[in-house]
Amino acid sequence: MKALSLTLLGFATLFSASVTLAAGDPQAGKAKSAVCASCHGADGIALMPIYPNLAGQNEEYLVLALKAYRSKERQGGNAALMHAMAANLSDEDIANLAAYYASLK
């Protein structure tokens, strides 16, 4: 029983650590978002209907989308533009941007 408890505690610790590491910093994301504002708006509401709103978007979705643009796996629409925009973003930058836009409700 003690071994099972220690194993479960270990998994819980490992899981919580990975969640904490994956979480972005919304303030750092806000600082990095200036270049995004030209299409997606300063408050995450797109200036033109051809660009998606980012405000309030699901954080994990944004992370996956930006990583897919960075690796050029995501195609269509304005993908070529987004490939260039995401090319120089680190995983930390992506997490921070996603946290920022997800925080805008």
N, C-alpha and C. Protein backbone atom coordinates (compact mmCIF):
# COMPACT_ATOMS: atom_id res chain seq x y z
N MET A 1 0.83 -1.20 0.00
CA MET A 1 0.00 0.00 0.00
C MET A 1 0.87 1.25 0.00
N LYS A 2 1.95 1.20 0.80
CA LYS A 2 2.85 2.34 0.88
C LYS A 2 3.52 2.60 -0.48
N ALA A 3 3.90 1.51 -1.17
CA ALA A 3 4.53 1.64 -2.48
C ALA A 3 3.57 2.27 -3.49
N LEU A 4 2.31 1.87 -3.43
CA LEU A 4 1.30 2.43 -4.33
C LEU A 4 1.12 3.92 -4.06
N SER A 5 1.08 4.30 -2.81
CA SER A 5 0.93 5.71 -2.43
C SER A 5 2.11 6.53 -2.94
N LEU A 6 3.31 5.99 -2.78
CA LEU A 6 4.50 6.71 -3.24
C LEU A 6 4.52 6.82 -4.77
N THR A 7 4.07 5.79 -5.44
CA THR A 7 4.01 5.82 -6.90
C THR A 7 3.02 6.87 -7.37
N LEU A 8 1.84 6.89 -6.77
CA LEU A 8 0.83 7.89 -7.13
C LEU A 8 1.31 9.29 -6.84
N LEU A 9 1.99 9.47 -5.71
CA LEU A 9 2.55 10.78 -5.36
C LEU A 9 3.59 11.20 -6.39
N GLY A 10 4.41 10.25 -6.82
CA GLY A 10 5.42 10.55 -7.83
C GLY A 10 4.79 10.98 -9.14
N PHE A 11 3.75 10.27 -9.59
CA PHE A 11 3.06 10.64 -10.82
C PHE A 11 2.40 12.02 -10.69
N ALA A 12 1.80 12.27 -9.56
CA ALA A 12 1.16 13.57 -9.35
C ALA A 12 2.18 14.70 -9.38
N THR A 13 3.32 14.48 -8.79
CA THR A 13 4.38 15.49 -8.80
C THR A 13 4.90 15.71 -10.21
N LEU A 14 5.13 14.63 -10.91
CA LEU A 14 5.62 14.73 -12.29
C LEU A 14 4.61 15.45 -13.17
N PHE A 15 3.34 15.10 -13.05
CA PHE A 15 2.30 15.74 -13.84
C PHE A 15 2.19 17.22 -13.53
N SER A 16 2.18 17.58 -12.26
CA SER A 16 2.04 19.00 -11.90
C SER A 16 3.25 19.80 -12.34
N ALA A 17 4.44 19.21 -12.32
CA ALA A 17 5.64 19.91 -12.77
C ALA A 17 5.57 20.18 -14.27
N SER A 18 5.08 19.21 -15.05
CA SER A 18 5.01 19.41 -16.49
C SER A 18 3.96 20.46 -16.83
N VAL A 19 2.87 20.52 -16.09
CA VAL A 19 1.85 21.53 -16.32
C VAL A 19 2.40 22.91 -15.99
N THR A 20 3.12 23.01 -14.89
CA THR A 20 3.70 24.29 -14.50
C THR A 20 4.70 24.77 -15.53
N LEU A 21 5.53 23.88 -16.04
CA LEU A 21 6.53 24.26 -17.02
C LEU A 21 5.89 24.69 -18.34
N ALA A 22 4.73 24.14 -18.67
CA ALA A 22 4.08 24.45 -19.93
C ALA A 22 3.33 25.77 -19.88
N ALA A 23 3.01 26.26 -18.70
CA ALA A 23 2.22 27.48 -18.57
C ALA A 23 3.04 28.69 -19.01
N GLY A 24 2.42 29.56 -19.78
CA GLY A 24 3.09 30.76 -20.23
C GLY A 24 2.84 31.93 -19.29
N ASP A 25 3.58 32.98 -19.51
CA ASP A 25 3.48 34.21 -18.73
C ASP A 25 2.73 35.25 -19.56
N PRO A 26 1.49 35.57 -19.17
CA PRO A 26 0.71 36.52 -19.96
C PRO A 26 1.37 37.89 -20.12
N GLN A 27 2.07 38.37 -19.09
CA GLN A 27 2.72 39.68 -19.20
C GLN A 27 3.85 39.66 -20.23
N ALA A 28 4.63 38.58 -20.23
CA ALA A 28 5.69 38.44 -21.24
C ALA A 28 5.06 38.31 -22.62
N GLY A 29 3.95 37.61 -22.71
CA GLY A 29 3.25 37.48 -23.98
C GLY A 29 2.73 38.81 -24.49
N LYS A 30 2.24 39.63 -23.59
CA LYS A 30 1.75 40.96 -23.98
C LYS A 30 2.89 41.78 -24.56
N ALA A 31 4.05 41.71 -23.93
CA ALA A 31 5.21 42.45 -24.42
C ALA A 31 5.64 41.97 -25.80
N LYS A 32 5.47 40.69 -26.07
CA LYS A 32 5.89 40.09 -27.34
C LYS A 32 4.82 40.26 -28.43
N SER A 33 3.61 40.66 -28.07
CA SER A 33 2.48 40.64 -29.00
C SER A 33 2.39 41.85 -29.93
N ALA A 34 3.27 42.82 -29.81
CA ALA A 34 3.16 44.03 -30.61
C ALA A 34 3.12 43.73 -32.11
N VAL A 35 3.93 42.80 -32.55
CA VAL A 35 3.96 42.46 -33.97
C VAL A 35 2.67 41.77 -34.41
N CYS A 36 2.02 41.07 -33.50
CA CYS A 36 0.76 40.37 -33.81
C CYS A 36 -0.38 41.38 -34.02
N ALA A 37 -0.27 42.53 -33.35
CA ALA A 37 -1.35 43.51 -33.33
C ALA A 37 -1.67 44.08 -34.71
N SER A 38 -0.70 44.07 -35.61
CA SER A 38 -0.96 44.66 -36.92
C SER A 38 -2.08 43.93 -37.67
N CYS A 39 -2.24 42.64 -37.42
CA CYS A 39 -3.33 41.89 -38.05
C CYS A 39 -4.42 41.48 -37.06
N HIS A 40 -3.99 41.09 -35.85
CA HIS A 40 -4.93 40.54 -34.87
C HIS A 40 -5.43 41.56 -33.86
N GLY A 41 -5.02 42.83 -34.00
CA GLY A 41 -5.48 43.90 -33.14
C GLY A 41 -4.75 43.95 -31.81
N ALA A 42 -4.63 45.15 -31.26
CA ALA A 42 -3.91 45.36 -30.00
C ALA A 42 -4.56 44.61 -28.85
N ASP A 43 -5.86 44.40 -28.94
CA ASP A 43 -6.59 43.70 -27.87
C ASP A 43 -6.99 42.29 -28.27
N GLY A 44 -6.38 41.79 -29.36
CA GLY A 44 -6.67 40.43 -29.81
C GLY A 44 -7.91 40.31 -30.67
N ILE A 45 -8.53 41.45 -30.98
CA ILE A 45 -9.70 41.47 -31.88
C ILE A 45 -9.19 41.96 -33.23
N ALA A 46 -9.30 41.11 -34.24
CA ALA A 46 -8.74 41.39 -35.55
C ALA A 46 -9.29 42.67 -36.15
N LEU A 47 -8.42 43.37 -36.85
CA LEU A 47 -8.80 44.63 -37.49
C LEU A 47 -9.60 44.40 -38.77
N MET A 48 -9.34 43.26 -39.41
CA MET A 48 -10.04 42.93 -40.65
C MET A 48 -10.59 41.51 -40.53
N PRO A 49 -11.75 41.25 -41.12
CA PRO A 49 -12.38 39.93 -40.96
C PRO A 49 -11.58 38.76 -41.53
N ILE A 50 -10.58 39.00 -42.36
CA ILE A 50 -9.80 37.88 -42.91
C ILE A 50 -8.81 37.32 -41.89
N TYR A 51 -8.60 38.04 -40.78
CA TYR A 51 -7.69 37.57 -39.72
C TYR A 51 -8.51 37.11 -38.52
N PRO A 52 -8.10 36.02 -37.88
CA PRO A 52 -8.87 35.53 -36.73
C PRO A 52 -8.64 36.36 -35.47
N ASN A 53 -9.67 36.42 -34.64
CA ASN A 53 -9.54 37.00 -33.32
C ASN A 53 -8.76 36.04 -32.44
N LEU A 54 -7.86 36.56 -31.63
CA LEU A 54 -7.08 35.73 -30.72
C LEU A 54 -7.53 35.89 -29.27
N ALA A 55 -8.21 36.97 -28.96
CA ALA A 55 -8.65 37.22 -27.58
C ALA A 55 -9.59 36.12 -27.11
N GLY A 56 -9.25 35.53 -25.97
CA GLY A 56 -10.10 34.51 -25.37
C GLY A 56 -9.97 33.14 -26.01
N GLN A 57 -9.09 33.01 -26.98
CA GLN A 57 -8.90 31.71 -27.64
C GLN A 57 -8.28 30.71 -26.66
N ASN A 58 -8.54 29.46 -26.86
CA ASN A 58 -8.01 28.40 -26.01
C ASN A 58 -6.48 28.40 -26.06
N GLU A 59 -5.85 28.42 -24.89
CA GLU A 59 -4.39 28.53 -24.80
C GLU A 59 -3.68 27.37 -25.49
N GLU A 60 -4.12 26.16 -25.24
CA GLU A 60 -3.47 24.99 -25.85
C GLU A 60 -3.63 25.02 -27.38
N TYR A 61 -4.77 25.45 -27.85
CA TYR A 61 -4.98 25.57 -29.29
C TYR A 61 -3.98 26.55 -29.90
N LEU A 62 -3.79 27.69 -29.24
CA LEU A 62 -2.85 28.69 -29.75
C LEU A 62 -1.43 28.15 -29.78
N VAL A 63 -1.05 27.42 -28.74
CA VAL A 63 0.29 26.82 -28.70
C VAL A 63 0.46 25.87 -29.88
N LEU A 64 -0.51 24.98 -30.07
CA LEU A 64 -0.42 24.01 -31.16
C LEU A 64 -0.41 24.70 -32.53
N ALA A 65 -1.23 25.71 -32.69
CA ALA A 65 -1.31 26.42 -33.96
C ALA A 65 0.02 27.13 -34.27
N LEU A 66 0.57 27.84 -33.30
CA LEU A 66 1.82 28.55 -33.53
C LEU A 66 2.98 27.59 -33.81
N LYS A 67 3.01 26.48 -33.11
CA LYS A 67 4.06 25.49 -33.38
C LYS A 67 3.90 24.88 -34.76
N ALA A 68 2.66 24.67 -35.19
CA ALA A 68 2.41 24.13 -36.53
C ALA A 68 2.80 25.14 -37.60
N TYR A 69 2.56 26.42 -37.36
CA TYR A 69 3.00 27.44 -38.30
C TYR A 69 4.52 27.50 -38.33
N ARG A 70 5.15 27.45 -37.16
CA ARG A 70 6.61 27.53 -37.09
C ARG A 70 7.26 26.38 -37.86
N SER A 71 6.69 25.19 -37.77
CA SER A 71 7.26 24.02 -38.47
C SER A 71 6.74 23.90 -39.90
N LYS A 72 5.90 24.84 -40.31
CA LYS A 72 5.30 24.88 -41.65
C LYS A 72 4.39 23.69 -41.93
N GLU A 73 3.87 23.08 -40.87
CA GLU A 73 2.91 21.99 -41.02
C GLU A 73 1.51 22.52 -41.32
N ARG A 74 1.22 23.72 -40.86
CA ARG A 74 -0.11 24.31 -41.08
C ARG A 74 -0.08 25.10 -42.38
N GLN A 75 -1.03 24.83 -43.25
CA GLN A 75 -1.07 25.43 -44.58
C GLN A 75 -2.43 26.11 -44.81
N GLY A 76 -2.51 26.83 -45.92
CA GLY A 76 -3.77 27.46 -46.31
C GLY A 76 -3.88 28.88 -45.81
N GLY A 77 -4.84 29.59 -46.37
CA GLY A 77 -5.11 30.96 -45.94
C GLY A 77 -3.86 31.83 -45.93
N ASN A 78 -3.58 32.39 -44.78
CA ASN A 78 -2.41 33.25 -44.60
C ASN A 78 -1.23 32.49 -43.99
N ALA A 79 -1.15 31.21 -44.26
CA ALA A 79 -0.12 30.38 -43.64
C ALA A 79 1.30 30.87 -43.96
N ALA A 80 1.54 31.29 -45.18
CA ALA A 80 2.88 31.74 -45.55
C ALA A 80 3.30 32.93 -44.68
N LEU A 81 2.38 33.83 -44.45
CA LEU A 81 2.65 34.98 -43.57
C LEU A 81 2.93 34.51 -42.14
N MET A 82 2.11 33.58 -41.67
CA MET A 82 2.29 33.07 -40.31
C MET A 82 3.55 32.23 -40.16
N HIS A 83 3.96 31.54 -41.21
CA HIS A 83 5.22 30.79 -41.17
C HIS A 83 6.36 31.74 -40.85
N ALA A 84 6.37 32.88 -41.55
CA ALA A 84 7.43 33.87 -41.32
C ALA A 84 7.33 34.48 -39.91
N MET A 85 6.11 34.75 -39.47
CA MET A 85 5.93 35.37 -38.15
C MET A 85 6.34 34.42 -37.03
N ALA A 86 6.06 33.13 -37.18
CA ALA A 86 6.33 32.16 -36.12
C ALA A 86 7.73 31.58 -36.18
N ALA A 87 8.43 31.79 -37.28
CA ALA A 87 9.74 31.16 -37.48
C ALA A 87 10.74 31.46 -36.36
N ASN A 88 10.70 32.66 -35.84
CA ASN A 88 11.69 33.06 -34.83
C ASN A 88 11.17 32.98 -33.40
N LEU A 89 9.99 32.38 -33.21
CA LEU A 89 9.44 32.26 -31.86
C LEU A 89 9.98 31.01 -31.18
N SER A 90 10.43 31.17 -29.95
CA SER A 90 10.85 30.02 -29.15
C SER A 90 9.61 29.36 -28.55
N ASP A 91 9.78 28.18 -27.98
CA ASP A 91 8.66 27.53 -27.28
C ASP A 91 8.16 28.42 -26.16
N GLU A 92 9.07 29.11 -25.48
CA GLU A 92 8.68 30.00 -24.39
C GLU A 92 7.88 31.19 -24.92
N ASP A 93 8.32 31.77 -26.03
CA ASP A 93 7.57 32.87 -26.65
C ASP A 93 6.15 32.42 -27.00
N ILE A 94 6.04 31.24 -27.58
CA ILE A 94 4.74 30.71 -27.98
C ILE A 94 3.85 30.50 -26.76
N ALA A 95 4.40 29.92 -25.70
CA ALA A 95 3.62 29.71 -24.48
C ALA A 95 3.17 31.04 -23.89
N ASN A 96 4.04 32.04 -23.91
CA ASN A 96 3.70 33.35 -23.36
C ASN A 96 2.62 34.05 -24.20
N LEU A 97 2.76 34.00 -25.51
CA LEU A 97 1.74 34.61 -26.37
C LEU A 97 0.39 33.92 -26.19
N ALA A 98 0.40 32.61 -26.14
CA ALA A 98 -0.84 31.86 -25.95
C ALA A 98 -1.49 32.20 -24.62
N ALA A 99 -0.69 32.30 -23.57
CA ALA A 99 -1.23 32.66 -22.24
C ALA A 99 -1.83 34.06 -22.28
N TYR A 100 -1.15 34.97 -22.95
CA TYR A 100 -1.65 36.35 -23.03
C TYR A 100 -3.00 36.41 -23.75
N TYR A 101 -3.06 35.84 -24.95
CA TYR A 101 -4.31 35.92 -25.72
C TYR A 101 -5.44 35.14 -25.05
N ALA A 102 -5.12 34.04 -24.42
CA ALA A 102 -6.15 33.28 -23.71
C ALA A 102 -6.69 34.06 -22.51
N SER A 103 -5.87 34.92 -21.94
CA SER A 103 -6.30 35.70 -20.76
C SER A 103 -7.24 36.85 -21.13
N LEU A 104 -7.29 37.21 -22.38
CA LEU A 104 -8.17 38.30 -22.83
C LEU A 104 -9.56 37.75 -23.05
N LYS A 105 -10.44 38.08 -22.16
CA LYS A 105 -11.82 37.53 -22.27
C LYS A 105 -12.77 38.59 -22.74
